[in-house]
Amino acid sequence: MVFRFNFFENDDMEGSQNSDITTETSDINPKVHDYDSENISLLFSQWVEIRLPDDEKLYYLNNVDKGKIETVTEHSDLIPNIYEGGFEVWECTLDILRYFASHQEKFSFKKVLDLGCGSGLLGTYTAIHGAECVHFQDYNQEVVENFTIKNYHKNCEKSPCSVKFVSGDWDDMGDHFDTYDLILSSETIYNRDSISKVIRIIQNHLCPSGMIWGIILIRTI
């Protein structure tokens, strides 16, 4: 699978954009998404299987309805402030999952935030392994409604974990985030604006004894 990016060109973190891509700031509003496990249909869904150590398996949706951002995703895997790459399952997400599984990490009674969740597989893994509460956040509501929620339901339909799904910009999440024992974030930081937003979230929403699992893959163009 080939991923295409429009940032870090010439190793410049300010990011000179590809001239044929428009990156105007969108007027996206924060939204909390209902999770009604009794009325989610996975009929005709096609799934990709992830095999983890100890023969553990996770699944994510292959035939995704991308809604109104379908045409955007045809041009790039990420366009800042328009589409933040949530329909992809990035390499670093798989790396974290393999690490968790190989080290038999447990999350009993933890309150977890999957920040920039995309597929939601990291938060889903913690729910399977004992998390008391998991909140999932992604920039695009189409990602949360058509990808994150369905992936969670496929893997955790019977889980007693309390969950919340929300979409929107990180700077607008103050009223929707709680205080967390664990914040997970995989390949969500790609410019300086992102770094400052993540720092504010950590300062405001990570409990004093909390932990962050974050991973960034540096790519060259």
Protein backbone atom coordinates (compact mmCIF):
# COMPACT_ATOMS: atom_id res chain seq x y z
CA MET A 1 0.00 0.00 0.00
CA VAL A 2 1.34 3.43 -0.96
CA PHE A 3 0.67 6.52 1.15
CA ARG A 4 1.01 10.05 -0.20
CA PHE A 5 1.57 13.12 1.95
CA ASN A 6 1.60 16.86 1.29
CA PHE A 7 3.76 18.00 4.18
CA PHE A 8 7.40 17.95 5.40
CA GLU A 9 8.50 18.68 1.84
CA ASN A 10 12.25 19.34 1.73
CA ASP A 11 12.33 18.38 5.43
CA ASP A 12 10.64 21.68 6.36
CA MET A 13 8.27 21.30 9.32
CA GLU A 14 6.38 24.35 8.24
CA GLY A 15 5.38 22.23 5.23
CA SER A 16 5.20 23.68 1.75
CA GLN A 17 1.99 22.36 0.25
CA ASN A 18 1.64 20.64 -3.07
CA SER A 19 0.36 23.29 -5.49
CA ASP A 20 -2.59 21.21 -6.68
CA ILE A 21 -4.03 20.68 -3.20
CA THR A 22 -6.16 23.24 -1.39
CA THR A 23 -5.79 23.34 2.41
CA GLU A 24 -8.26 25.99 3.50
CA THR A 25 -9.41 25.72 7.09
CA SER A 26 -12.73 23.89 7.28
CA ASP A 27 -15.68 24.99 9.40
CA ILE A 28 -15.95 21.61 11.08
CA ASN A 29 -17.87 21.59 14.36
CA PRO A 30 -17.40 19.16 17.26
CA LYS A 31 -19.93 16.37 17.37
CA VAL A 32 -20.67 13.54 19.79
CA HIS A 33 -21.75 10.39 17.95
CA ASP A 34 -24.31 7.95 19.32
CA TYR A 35 -23.24 4.36 19.85
CA ASP A 36 -26.33 2.15 19.82
CA SER A 37 -24.98 -1.39 19.78
CA GLU A 38 -28.44 -2.83 19.17
CA ASN A 39 -28.93 -0.98 15.89
CA ILE A 40 -25.55 -1.16 14.18
CA SER A 41 -25.68 -3.27 11.05
CA LEU A 42 -22.51 -4.92 9.77
CA LEU A 43 -24.36 -6.78 7.03
CA PHE A 44 -22.33 -7.07 3.82
CA SER A 45 -19.28 -5.60 5.57
CA GLN A 46 -15.85 -6.82 4.48
CA TRP A 47 -13.11 -7.06 7.08
CA VAL A 48 -9.33 -7.04 7.17
CA GLU A 49 -7.87 -9.34 9.83
CA ILE A 50 -4.87 -8.28 11.91
CA ARG A 51 -2.96 -11.13 13.52
CA LEU A 52 -1.15 -10.23 16.71
CA PRO A 53 1.21 -12.24 18.96
CA ASP A 54 -0.38 -15.14 20.88
CA ASP A 55 -2.79 -15.59 17.95
CA GLU A 56 -4.91 -12.62 18.98
CA LYS A 57 -6.95 -11.06 16.18
CA LEU A 58 -8.46 -7.67 15.47
CA TYR A 59 -10.57 -6.60 12.51
CA TYR A 60 -11.13 -3.36 10.63
CA LEU A 61 -13.58 -2.49 7.88
CA ASN A 62 -12.36 -2.77 4.30
CA ASN A 63 -15.33 -1.50 2.26
CA VAL A 64 -15.77 1.87 3.95
CA ASP A 65 -18.45 4.41 3.02
CA LYS A 66 -16.43 7.66 3.07
CA GLY A 67 -19.42 9.92 2.61
CA LYS A 68 -18.89 13.45 1.35
CA ILE A 69 -15.09 13.29 1.70
CA GLU A 70 -14.84 10.39 -0.77
CA THR A 71 -13.52 12.65 -3.53
CA VAL A 72 -11.00 14.24 -1.16
CA THR A 73 -9.48 10.89 -0.22
CA GLU A 74 -8.98 10.04 -3.89
CA HIS A 75 -6.36 12.82 -4.19
CA SER A 76 -4.38 12.38 -0.99
CA ASP A 77 -4.15 10.28 2.16
CA LEU A 78 -4.07 13.48 4.23
CA ILE A 79 -5.02 17.10 3.61
CA PRO A 80 -4.56 19.29 6.70
CA ASN A 81 -7.79 20.84 8.06
CA ILE A 82 -9.83 18.98 5.45
CA TYR A 83 -9.20 15.26 5.82
CA GLU A 84 -6.78 14.05 8.51
CA GLY A 85 -6.10 10.52 7.24
CA GLY A 86 -8.56 8.69 9.47
CA PHE A 87 -9.58 6.06 6.93
CA GLU A 88 -6.04 4.64 6.80
CA VAL A 89 -4.59 2.11 9.23
CA TRP A 90 -1.10 3.53 9.66
CA GLU A 91 2.03 1.44 10.20
CA CYS A 92 2.68 2.84 13.68
CA THR A 93 -0.76 1.76 14.86
CA LEU A 94 0.12 -1.80 13.98
CA ASP A 95 3.48 -1.42 15.73
CA ILE A 96 1.82 -0.31 18.97
CA LEU A 97 -0.72 -3.14 18.79
CA ARG A 98 2.04 -5.71 18.30
CA TYR A 99 3.96 -4.25 21.23
CA PHE A 100 0.90 -4.35 23.49
CA ALA A 101 0.15 -7.94 22.52
CA SER A 102 3.73 -9.23 22.79
CA HIS A 103 4.15 -7.63 26.23
CA GLN A 104 0.65 -8.67 27.33
CA GLU A 105 -0.19 -5.14 28.38
CA LYS A 106 -3.30 -4.84 30.56
CA PHE A 107 -5.50 -1.77 31.00
CA SER A 108 -7.75 -2.80 33.88
CA PHE A 109 -9.88 0.04 35.25
CA LYS A 110 -8.12 2.60 33.04
CA LYS A 111 -9.81 5.59 31.49
CA VAL A 112 -8.39 5.90 27.98
CA LEU A 113 -8.40 8.53 25.22
CA ASP A 114 -7.67 7.38 21.66
CA LEU A 115 -6.63 10.75 20.22
CA GLY A 116 -6.90 11.09 16.45
CA CYS A 117 -8.25 7.56 16.57
CA GLY A 118 -8.95 6.87 12.89
CA SER A 119 -9.68 3.16 12.85
CA GLY A 120 -10.00 3.15 16.64
CA LEU A 121 -7.95 -0.02 16.92
CA LEU A 122 -5.74 1.23 19.76
CA GLY A 123 -8.67 2.21 21.96
CA THR A 124 -10.46 -0.98 20.94
CA TYR A 125 -7.50 -3.07 22.10
CA THR A 126 -7.57 -1.42 25.53
CA ALA A 127 -11.31 -2.05 25.80
CA ILE A 128 -10.75 -5.74 25.10
CA HIS A 129 -8.04 -5.84 27.75
CA GLY A 130 -9.84 -4.34 30.68
CA ALA A 131 -10.22 -0.58 30.18
CA GLU A 132 -13.14 0.80 32.13
CA CYS A 133 -13.82 3.66 29.73
CA VAL A 134 -12.51 4.59 26.27
CA HIS A 135 -13.13 7.84 24.43
CA PHE A 136 -12.44 7.93 20.68
CA GLN A 137 -11.76 11.20 18.82
CA ASP A 138 -11.08 11.90 15.17
CA TYR A 139 -11.19 15.07 13.09
CA ASN A 140 -13.74 13.90 10.51
CA GLN A 141 -17.23 12.82 11.51
CA GLU A 142 -17.40 10.48 8.49
CA VAL A 143 -14.43 8.57 9.90
CA VAL A 144 -16.02 8.19 13.32
CA GLU A 145 -19.47 7.20 12.03
CA ASN A 146 -18.45 4.90 9.20
CA PHE A 147 -15.13 3.47 10.37
CA THR A 148 -14.29 3.89 14.07
CA ILE A 149 -17.67 2.90 15.49
CA LYS A 150 -18.09 -0.09 13.18
CA ASN A 151 -14.58 -1.35 13.91
CA TYR A 152 -15.20 -1.07 17.64
CA HIS A 153 -18.53 -2.87 17.34
CA LYS A 154 -17.02 -5.70 15.32
CA ASN A 155 -14.31 -6.34 17.92
CA CYS A 156 -16.07 -5.36 21.16
CA GLU A 157 -19.80 -5.95 20.74
CA LYS A 158 -20.00 -7.72 24.12
CA SER A 159 -17.52 -5.52 25.98
CA PRO A 160 -18.74 -3.90 29.23
CA CYS A 161 -16.44 -0.93 28.57
CA SER A 162 -18.05 2.52 28.55
CA VAL A 163 -17.34 4.32 25.27
CA LYS A 164 -17.75 7.76 23.75
CA PHE A 165 -17.17 8.82 20.15
CA VAL A 166 -16.54 12.43 19.18
CA SER A 167 -15.32 14.26 16.06
CA GLY A 168 -13.84 17.71 15.56
CA ASP A 169 -10.70 19.78 15.93
CA TRP A 170 -8.53 19.19 19.00
CA ASP A 171 -8.87 22.82 20.12
CA ASP A 172 -12.66 22.36 20.33
CA MET A 173 -12.60 19.23 22.48
CA GLY A 174 -12.39 20.83 25.92
CA ASP A 175 -16.04 20.23 26.79
CA HIS A 176 -15.97 16.70 25.40
CA PHE A 177 -12.80 15.31 26.98
CA ASP A 178 -12.43 14.13 30.58
CA THR A 179 -9.30 13.34 32.59
CA TYR A 180 -7.54 10.17 31.46
CA ASP A 181 -5.14 7.58 32.83
CA LEU A 182 -3.85 6.84 29.36
CA ILE A 183 -3.72 8.85 26.11
CA LEU A 184 -2.95 6.99 22.89
CA SER A 185 -1.92 8.73 19.68
CA SER A 186 -0.44 7.18 16.54
CA GLU A 187 0.93 9.24 13.63
CA THR A 188 -1.21 12.26 14.44
CA ILE A 189 1.51 14.92 14.71
CA TYR A 190 2.89 16.28 11.45
CA ASN A 191 3.38 20.02 11.99
CA ARG A 192 4.07 22.52 14.76
CA ASP A 193 0.40 23.45 15.14
CA SER A 194 -0.38 19.83 15.93
CA ILE A 195 2.34 19.69 18.58
CA SER A 196 0.98 22.71 20.47
CA LYS A 197 -2.55 21.30 20.40
CA VAL A 198 -1.40 17.94 21.77
CA ILE A 199 0.54 19.65 24.55
CA ARG A 200 -2.59 21.54 25.61
CA ILE A 201 -4.60 18.32 25.66
CA ILE A 202 -1.97 16.60 27.81
CA GLN A 203 -1.84 19.53 30.22
CA ASN A 204 -5.63 19.68 30.58
CA HIS A 205 -6.71 16.05 30.29
CA LEU A 206 -3.98 13.69 31.52
CA CYS A 207 -4.19 12.79 35.20
CA PRO A 208 -1.03 13.39 37.31
CA SER A 209 -0.11 9.70 37.34
CA GLY A 210 -1.19 9.18 33.72
CA MET A 211 0.77 7.85 30.77
CA ILE A 212 0.99 8.73 27.08
CA TRP A 213 1.64 6.27 24.29
CA GLY A 214 2.50 8.26 21.18
CA ILE A 215 4.43 7.34 18.08
CA ILE A 216 5.46 9.34 15.01
CA LEU A 217 6.91 7.98 11.78
CA ILE A 218 9.14 10.53 10.03
CA ARG A 219 8.81 10.31 6.25
CA THR A 220 10.77 12.05 3.55
CA ILE A 221 9.21 13.18 0.31
